[in-house]
Amino acid sequence: LMTANSDGWHYYDYTTVGDAPSGIWPSI
């Protein structure tokens, strides 16, 4: 579930690890 503000802004913060693979990260 994403975090939602009262103005309709839904957001999610994700921090990649130091050895995260480079390239396209498919997200939906």
PDB file of all heavy atoms in Angstrom:
ATOM      1  N   LEU A   1       0.839  -1.204   0.000  1.00  0.00           N
ATOM      2  CA  LEU A   1       0.000   0.000   0.000  1.00  0.00           C
ATOM      3  C   LEU A   1       0.872   1.251   0.000  1.00  0.00           C
ATOM      4  O   LEU A   1       1.862   1.347   0.726  1.00  0.00           O
ATOM      5  CB  LEU A   1      -0.910   0.000   1.227  1.00  0.00           C
ATOM      6  CG  LEU A   1      -2.007   1.059   1.268  1.00  0.00           C
ATOM      7  CD1 LEU A   1      -3.012   0.803   0.143  1.00  0.00           C
ATOM      8  CD2 LEU A   1      -2.726   1.033   2.619  1.00  0.00           C
ATOM      9  N   MET A   2       0.503   2.219  -0.838  1.00  0.00           N
ATOM     10  CA  MET A   2       1.237   3.483  -0.921  1.00  0.00           C
ATOM     11  C   MET A   2       0.722   4.458   0.144  1.00  0.00           C
ATOM     12  O   MET A   2      -0.404   4.351   0.618  1.00  0.00           O
ATOM     13  CB  MET A   2       1.093   4.117  -2.308  1.00  0.00           C
ATOM     14  CG  MET A   2       1.548   3.207  -3.436  1.00  0.00           C
ATOM     15  SD  MET A   2       1.355   3.971  -5.065  1.00  0.00           S
ATOM     16  CE  MET A   2       2.689   5.160  -5.043  1.00  0.00           C
ATOM     17  N   THR A   3       1.555   5.406   0.515  1.00  0.00           N
ATOM     18  CA  THR A   3       1.166   6.465   1.449  1.00  0.00           C
ATOM     19  C   THR A   3       0.387   7.528   0.685  1.00  0.00           C
ATOM     20  O   THR A   3       0.735   7.857  -0.436  1.00  0.00           O
ATOM     21  CB  THR A   3       2.407   7.086   2.103  1.00  0.00           C
ATOM     22  OG1 THR A   3       3.159   6.048   2.756  1.00  0.00           O
ATOM     23  CG2 THR A   3       2.002   8.129   3.134  1.00  0.00           C
ATOM     24  N   ALA A   4      -0.675   8.060   1.277  1.00  0.00           N
ATOM     25  CA  ALA A   4      -1.505   9.045   0.583  1.00  0.00           C
ATOM     26  C   ALA A   4      -1.661  10.302   1.429  1.00  0.00           C
ATOM     27  O   ALA A   4      -1.828  10.228   2.651  1.00  0.00           O
ATOM     28  CB  ALA A   4      -2.883   8.461   0.268  1.00  0.00           C
ATOM     29  N   ASN A   5      -1.568  11.457   0.779  1.00  0.00           N
ATOM     30  CA  ASN A   5      -1.833  12.738   1.413  1.00  0.00           C
ATOM     31  C   ASN A   5      -3.277  13.144   1.163  1.00  0.00           C
ATOM     32  O   ASN A   5      -3.956  12.614   0.274  1.00  0.00           O
ATOM     33  CB  ASN A   5      -0.892  13.818   0.882  1.00  0.00           C
ATOM     34  CG  ASN A   5       0.557  13.561   1.303  1.00  0.00           C
ATOM     35  OD1 ASN A   5       0.803  12.847   2.277  1.00  0.00           O
ATOM     36  ND2 ASN A   5       1.497  14.131   0.583  1.00  0.00           N
ATOM     37  N   SER A   6      -3.744  14.145   1.917  1.00  0.00           N
ATOM     38  CA  SER A   6      -5.128  14.602   1.771  1.00  0.00           C
ATOM     39  C   SER A   6      -5.402  15.253   0.424  1.00  0.00           C
ATOM     40  O   SER A   6      -6.543  15.347  -0.011  1.00  0.00           O
ATOM     41  CB  SER A   6      -5.458  15.589   2.897  1.00  0.00           C
ATOM     42  OG  SER A   6      -4.582  16.717   2.833  1.00  0.00           O
ATOM     43  N   ASP A   7      -4.340  15.712  -0.275  1.00  0.00           N
ATOM     44  CA  ASP A   7      -4.541  16.349  -1.582  1.00  0.00           C
ATOM     45  C   ASP A   7      -4.550  15.352  -2.729  1.00  0.00           C
ATOM     46  O   ASP A   7      -4.538  15.748  -3.893  1.00  0.00           O
ATOM     47  CB  ASP A   7      -3.463  17.413  -1.829  1.00  0.00           C
ATOM     48  CG  ASP A   7      -2.055  16.817  -1.820  1.00  0.00           C
ATOM     49  OD1 ASP A   7      -1.927  15.595  -1.535  1.00  0.00           O
ATOM     50  OD2 ASP A   7      -1.100  17.565  -2.081  1.00  0.00           O
ATOM     51  N   GLY A   8      -4.581  14.036  -2.435  1.00  0.00           N
ATOM     52  CA  GLY A   8      -4.632  13.022  -3.484  1.00  0.00           C
ATOM     53  C   GLY A   8      -3.282  12.524  -3.939  1.00  0.00           C
ATOM     54  O   GLY A   8      -3.205  11.703  -4.845  1.00  0.00           O
ATOM     55  N   TRP A   9      -2.176  12.999  -3.344  1.00  0.00           N
ATOM     56  CA  TRP A   9      -0.829  12.565  -3.728  1.00  0.00           C
ATOM     57  C   TRP A   9      -0.525  11.236  -3.059  1.00  0.00           C
ATOM     58  O   TRP A   9      -0.446  11.158  -1.827  1.00  0.00           O
ATOM     59  CB  TRP A   9       0.184  13.617  -3.324  1.00  0.00           C
ATOM     60  CG  TRP A   9       1.615  13.216  -3.556  1.00  0.00           C
ATOM     61  CD1 TRP A   9       2.545  12.929  -2.618  1.00  0.00           C
ATOM     62  CD2 TRP A   9       2.282  13.065  -4.817  1.00  0.00           C
ATOM     63  NE1 TRP A   9       3.739  12.611  -3.199  1.00  0.00           N
ATOM     64  CE2 TRP A   9       3.615  12.672  -4.548  1.00  0.00           C
ATOM     65  CE3 TRP A   9       1.890  13.199  -6.136  1.00  0.00           C
ATOM     66  CZ2 TRP A   9       4.532  12.438  -5.550  1.00  0.00           C
ATOM     67  CZ3 TRP A   9       2.825  12.966  -7.128  1.00  0.00           C
ATOM     68  CH2 TRP A   9       4.124  12.604  -6.838  1.00  0.00           C
ATOM     69  N   HIS A  10      -0.369  10.161  -3.853  1.00  0.00           N
ATOM     70  CA  HIS A  10       0.007   8.830  -3.377  1.00  0.00           C
ATOM     71  C   HIS A  10       1.477   8.607  -3.730  1.00  0.00           C
ATOM     72  O   HIS A  10       1.871   8.800  -4.880  1.00  0.00           O
ATOM     73  CB  HIS A  10      -0.862   7.753  -4.041  1.00  0.00           C
ATOM     74  CG  HIS A  10      -2.311   7.832  -3.661  1.00  0.00           C
ATOM     75  ND1 HIS A  10      -2.931   6.905  -2.868  1.00  0.00           N
ATOM     76  CD2 HIS A  10      -3.262   8.752  -3.970  1.00  0.00           C
ATOM     77  CE1 HIS A  10      -4.204   7.226  -2.713  1.00  0.00           C
ATOM     78  NE2 HIS A  10      -4.432   8.362  -3.379  1.00  0.00           N
ATOM     79  N   TYR A  11       2.281   8.180  -2.733  1.00  0.00           N
ATOM     80  CA  TYR A  11       3.707   8.051  -3.009  1.00  0.00           C
ATOM     81  C   TYR A  11       4.305   6.868  -2.247  1.00  0.00           C
ATOM     82  O   TYR A  11       3.711   6.346  -1.292  1.00  0.00           O
ATOM     83  CB  TYR A  11       4.448   9.333  -2.626  1.00  0.00           C
ATOM     84  CG  TYR A  11       4.419   9.658  -1.141  1.00  0.00           C
ATOM     85  CD1 TYR A  11       5.455   9.254  -0.298  1.00  0.00           C
ATOM     86  CD2 TYR A  11       3.353  10.358  -0.594  1.00  0.00           C
ATOM     87  CE1 TYR A  11       5.428   9.547   1.057  1.00  0.00           C
ATOM     88  CE2 TYR A  11       3.315  10.659   0.763  1.00  0.00           C
ATOM     89  CZ  TYR A  11       4.361  10.248   1.592  1.00  0.00           C
ATOM     90  OH  TYR A  11       4.334  10.527   2.913  1.00  0.00           O
ATOM     91  N   TYR A  12       5.496   6.444  -2.712  1.00  0.00           N
ATOM     92  CA  TYR A  12       6.227   5.359  -2.065  1.00  0.00           C
ATOM     93  C   TYR A  12       7.724   5.606  -2.234  1.00  0.00           C
ATOM     94  O   TYR A  12       8.173   5.928  -3.344  1.00  0.00           O
ATOM     95  CB  TYR A  12       5.843   4.009  -2.687  1.00  0.00           C
ATOM     96  CG  TYR A  12       6.518   2.825  -2.004  1.00  0.00           C
ATOM     97  CD1 TYR A  12       6.013   2.289  -0.822  1.00  0.00           C
ATOM     98  CD2 TYR A  12       7.669   2.265  -2.533  1.00  0.00           C
ATOM     99  CE1 TYR A  12       6.623   1.229  -0.195  1.00  0.00           C
ATOM    100  CE2 TYR A  12       8.295   1.195  -1.900  1.00  0.00           C
ATOM    101  CZ  TYR A  12       7.761   0.680  -0.733  1.00  0.00           C
ATOM    102  OH  TYR A  12       8.391  -0.369  -0.119  1.00  0.00           O
ATOM    103  N   ASP A  13       8.475   5.531  -1.154  1.00  0.00           N
ATOM    104  CA  ASP A  13       9.926   5.723  -1.193  1.00  0.00           C
ATOM    105  C   ASP A  13      10.630   4.372  -1.130  1.00  0.00           C
ATOM    106  O   ASP A  13      10.319   3.551  -0.259  1.00  0.00           O
ATOM    107  CB  ASP A  13      10.400   6.588  -0.022  1.00  0.00           C
ATOM    108  CG  ASP A  13       9.867   8.013  -0.119  1.00  0.00           C
ATOM    109  OD1 ASP A  13       9.649   8.460  -1.263  1.00  0.00           O
ATOM    110  OD2 ASP A  13       9.667   8.654   0.919  1.00  0.00           O
ATOM    111  N   TYR A  14      11.554   4.144  -2.056  1.00  0.00           N
ATOM    112  CA  TYR A  14      12.332   2.901  -2.071  1.00  0.00           C
ATOM    113  C   TYR A  14      13.809   3.249  -2.263  1.00  0.00           C
ATOM    114  O   TYR A  14      14.159   4.004  -3.180  1.00  0.00           O
ATOM    115  CB  TYR A  14      11.877   1.969  -3.186  1.00  0.00           C
ATOM    116  CG  TYR A  14      12.725   0.717  -3.298  1.00  0.00           C
ATOM    117  CD1 TYR A  14      12.606  -0.308  -2.347  1.00  0.00           C
ATOM    118  CD2 TYR A  14      13.663   0.576  -4.311  1.00  0.00           C
ATOM    119  CE1 TYR A  14      13.385  -1.443  -2.434  1.00  0.00           C
ATOM    120  CE2 TYR A  14      14.457  -0.552  -4.394  1.00  0.00           C
ATOM    121  CZ  TYR A  14      14.318  -1.568  -3.456  1.00  0.00           C
ATOM    122  OH  TYR A  14      15.098  -2.676  -3.543  1.00  0.00           O
ATOM    123  N   THR A  15      14.665   2.735  -1.389  1.00  0.00           N
ATOM    124  CA  THR A  15      16.103   3.004  -1.469  1.00  0.00           C
ATOM    125  C   THR A  15      16.840   1.756  -1.955  1.00  0.00           C
ATOM    126  O   THR A  15      16.722   0.689  -1.362  1.00  0.00           O
ATOM    127  CB  THR A  15      16.664   3.417  -0.095  1.00  0.00           C
ATOM    128  OG1 THR A  15      15.942   4.550   0.367  1.00  0.00           O
ATOM    129  CG2 THR A  15      18.146   3.743  -0.202  1.00  0.00           C
ATOM    130  N   THR A  16      17.557   1.868  -3.081  1.00  0.00           N
ATOM    131  CA  THR A  16      18.323   0.740  -3.598  1.00  0.00           C
ATOM    132  C   THR A  16      19.554   0.503  -2.731  1.00  0.00           C
ATOM    133  O   THR A  16      20.137   1.440  -2.175  1.00  0.00           O
ATOM    134  CB  THR A  16      18.769   1.006  -5.045  1.00  0.00           C
ATOM    135  OG1 THR A  16      19.544   2.208  -5.071  1.00  0.00           O
ATOM    136  CG2 THR A  16      17.576   1.174  -5.952  1.00  0.00           C
ATOM    137  N   VAL A  17      19.967  -0.766  -2.625  1.00  0.00           N
ATOM    138  CA  VAL A  17      21.159  -1.091  -1.846  1.00  0.00           C
ATOM    139  C   VAL A  17      22.410  -0.755  -2.641  1.00  0.00           C
ATOM    140  O   VAL A  17      22.357  -0.481  -3.843  1.00  0.00           O
ATOM    141  CB  VAL A  17      21.153  -2.596  -1.470  1.00  0.00           C
ATOM    142  CG1 VAL A  17      19.963  -2.905  -0.563  1.00  0.00           C
ATOM    143  CG2 VAL A  17      21.102  -3.448  -2.722  1.00  0.00           C
ATOM    144  N   GLY A  18      23.567  -0.768  -1.977  1.00  0.00           N
ATOM    145  CA  GLY A  18      24.816  -0.351  -2.616  1.00  0.00           C
ATOM    146  C   GLY A  18      25.198  -1.196  -3.815  1.00  0.00           C
ATOM    147  O   GLY A  18      25.786  -0.695  -4.768  1.00  0.00           O
ATOM    148  N   ASP A  19      24.870  -2.493  -3.791  1.00  0.00           N
ATOM    149  CA  ASP A  19      25.248  -3.368  -4.904  1.00  0.00           C
ATOM    150  C   ASP A  19      24.028  -3.707  -5.770  1.00  0.00           C
ATOM    151  O   ASP A  19      23.975  -4.760  -6.398  1.00  0.00           O
ATOM    152  CB  ASP A  19      25.889  -4.656  -4.382  1.00  0.00           C
ATOM    153  CG  ASP A  19      24.960  -5.417  -3.432  1.00  0.00           C
ATOM    154  OD1 ASP A  19      23.916  -4.861  -3.035  1.00  0.00           O
ATOM    155  OD2 ASP A  19      25.293  -6.567  -3.092  1.00  0.00           O
ATOM    156  N   ALA A  20      23.047  -2.803  -5.808  1.00  0.00           N
ATOM    157  CA  ALA A  20      21.847  -3.049  -6.615  1.00  0.00           C
ATOM    158  C   ALA A  20      22.215  -3.157  -8.087  1.00  0.00           C
ATOM    159  O   ALA A  20      23.051  -2.407  -8.585  1.00  0.00           O
ATOM    160  CB  ALA A  20      20.836  -1.917  -6.413  1.00  0.00           C
ATOM    161  N   PRO A  21      21.597  -4.095  -8.836  1.00  0.00           N
ATOM    162  CA  PRO A  21      21.914  -4.240 -10.272  1.00  0.00           C
ATOM    163  C   PRO A  21      21.442  -3.022 -11.058  1.00  0.00           C
ATOM    164  O   PRO A  21      20.384  -2.466 -10.796  1.00  0.00           O
ATOM    165  CB  PRO A  21      21.132  -5.503 -10.676  1.00  0.00           C
ATOM    166  CG  PRO A  21      20.025  -5.591  -9.677  1.00  0.00           C
ATOM    167  CD  PRO A  21      20.594  -5.069  -8.395  1.00  0.00           C
ATOM    168  N   SER A  22      22.265  -2.594 -12.022  1.00  0.00           N
ATOM    169  CA  SER A  22      21.878  -1.462 -12.858  1.00  0.00           C
ATOM    170  C   SER A  22      20.990  -1.947 -14.001  1.00  0.00           C
ATOM    171  O   SER A  22      21.018  -3.112 -14.382  1.00  0.00           O
ATOM    172  CB  SER A  22      23.113  -0.769 -13.423  1.00  0.00           C
ATOM    173  OG  SER A  22      23.851  -1.670 -14.230  1.00  0.00           O
ATOM    174  N   GLY A  23      20.186  -0.988 -14.538  1.00  0.00           N
ATOM    175  CA  GLY A  23      19.294  -1.320 -15.643  1.00  0.00           C
ATOM    176  C   GLY A  23      17.869  -0.868 -15.354  1.00  0.00           C
ATOM    177  O   GLY A  23      17.631  -0.021 -14.499  1.00  0.00           O
ATOM    178  N   ILE A  24      16.903  -1.451 -16.084  1.00  0.00           N
ATOM    179  CA  ILE A  24      15.500  -1.074 -15.946  1.00  0.00           C
ATOM    180  C   ILE A  24      14.871  -1.827 -14.773  1.00  0.00           C
ATOM    181  O   ILE A  24      14.934  -3.040 -14.701  1.00  0.00           O
ATOM    182  CB  ILE A  24      14.722  -1.390 -17.233  1.00  0.00           C
ATOM    183  CG1 ILE A  24      15.365  -0.668 -18.408  1.00  0.00           C
ATOM    184  CG2 ILE A  24      13.267  -0.952 -17.082  1.00  0.00           C
ATOM    185  CD1 ILE A  24      15.403   0.817 -18.247  1.00  0.00           C
ATOM    186  N   TRP A  25      14.239  -1.099 -13.873  1.00  0.00           N
ATOM    187  CA  TRP A  25      13.492  -1.684 -12.747  1.00  0.00           C
ATOM    188  C   TRP A  25      12.003  -1.549 -13.060  1.00  0.00           C
ATOM    189  O   TRP A  25      11.423  -0.476 -12.855  1.00  0.00           O
ATOM    190  CB  TRP A  25      13.833  -0.964 -11.444  1.00  0.00           C
ATOM    191  CG  TRP A  25      15.227  -1.254 -10.947  1.00  0.00           C
ATOM    192  CD1 TRP A  25      16.389  -1.090 -11.611  1.00  0.00           C
ATOM    193  CD2 TRP A  25      15.584  -1.764  -9.654  1.00  0.00           C
ATOM    194  NE1 TRP A  25      17.445  -1.462 -10.853  1.00  0.00           N
ATOM    195  CE2 TRP A  25      16.998  -1.883  -9.630  1.00  0.00           C
ATOM    196  CE3 TRP A  25      14.862  -2.128  -8.520  1.00  0.00           C
ATOM    197  CZ2 TRP A  25      17.679  -2.348  -8.525  1.00  0.00           C
ATOM    198  CZ3 TRP A  25      15.547  -2.588  -7.405  1.00  0.00           C
ATOM    199  CH2 TRP A  25      16.948  -2.703  -7.409  1.00  0.00           C
ATOM    200  N   PRO A  26      11.351  -2.595 -13.634  1.00  0.00           N
ATOM    201  CA  PRO A  26       9.924  -2.507 -13.949  1.00  0.00           C
ATOM    202  C   PRO A  26       9.101  -2.258 -12.684  1.00  0.00           C
ATOM    203  O   PRO A  26       9.219  -2.994 -11.698  1.00  0.00           O
ATOM    204  CB  PRO A  26       9.604  -3.885 -14.548  1.00  0.00           C
ATOM    205  CG  PRO A  26      10.928  -4.423 -15.012  1.00  0.00           C
ATOM    206  CD  PRO A  26      11.924  -3.897 -14.017  1.00  0.00           C
ATOM    207  N   SER A  27       8.302  -1.205 -12.684  1.00  0.00           N
ATOM    208  CA  SER A  27       7.475  -0.853 -11.538  1.00  0.00           C
ATOM    209  C   SER A  27       6.090  -0.471 -12.029  1.00  0.00           C
ATOM    210  O   SER A  27       5.935   0.072 -13.122  1.00  0.00           O
ATOM    211  CB  SER A  27       8.105   0.313 -10.767  1.00  0.00           C
ATOM    212  OG  SER A  27       9.425   0.007 -10.382  1.00  0.00           O
ATOM    213  N   ILE A  28       5.099  -0.736 -11.203  1.00  0.00           N
ATOM    214  CA  ILE A  28       3.717  -0.470 -11.617  1.00  0.00           C
ATOM    215  C   ILE A  28       2.925   0.023 -10.415  1.00  0.00           C
ATOM    216  O   ILE A  28       3.117  -0.441  -9.291  1.00  0.00           O
ATOM    217  CB  ILE A  28       3.071  -1.745 -12.223  1.00  0.00           C
ATOM    218  CG1 ILE A  28       1.746  -1.423 -12.873  1.00  0.00           C
ATOM    219  CG2 ILE A  28       2.945  -2.850 -11.202  1.00  0.00           C
ATOM    220  CD1 ILE A  28       1.186  -2.555 -13.716  1.00  0.00           C
TER     221      ILE A  28
END
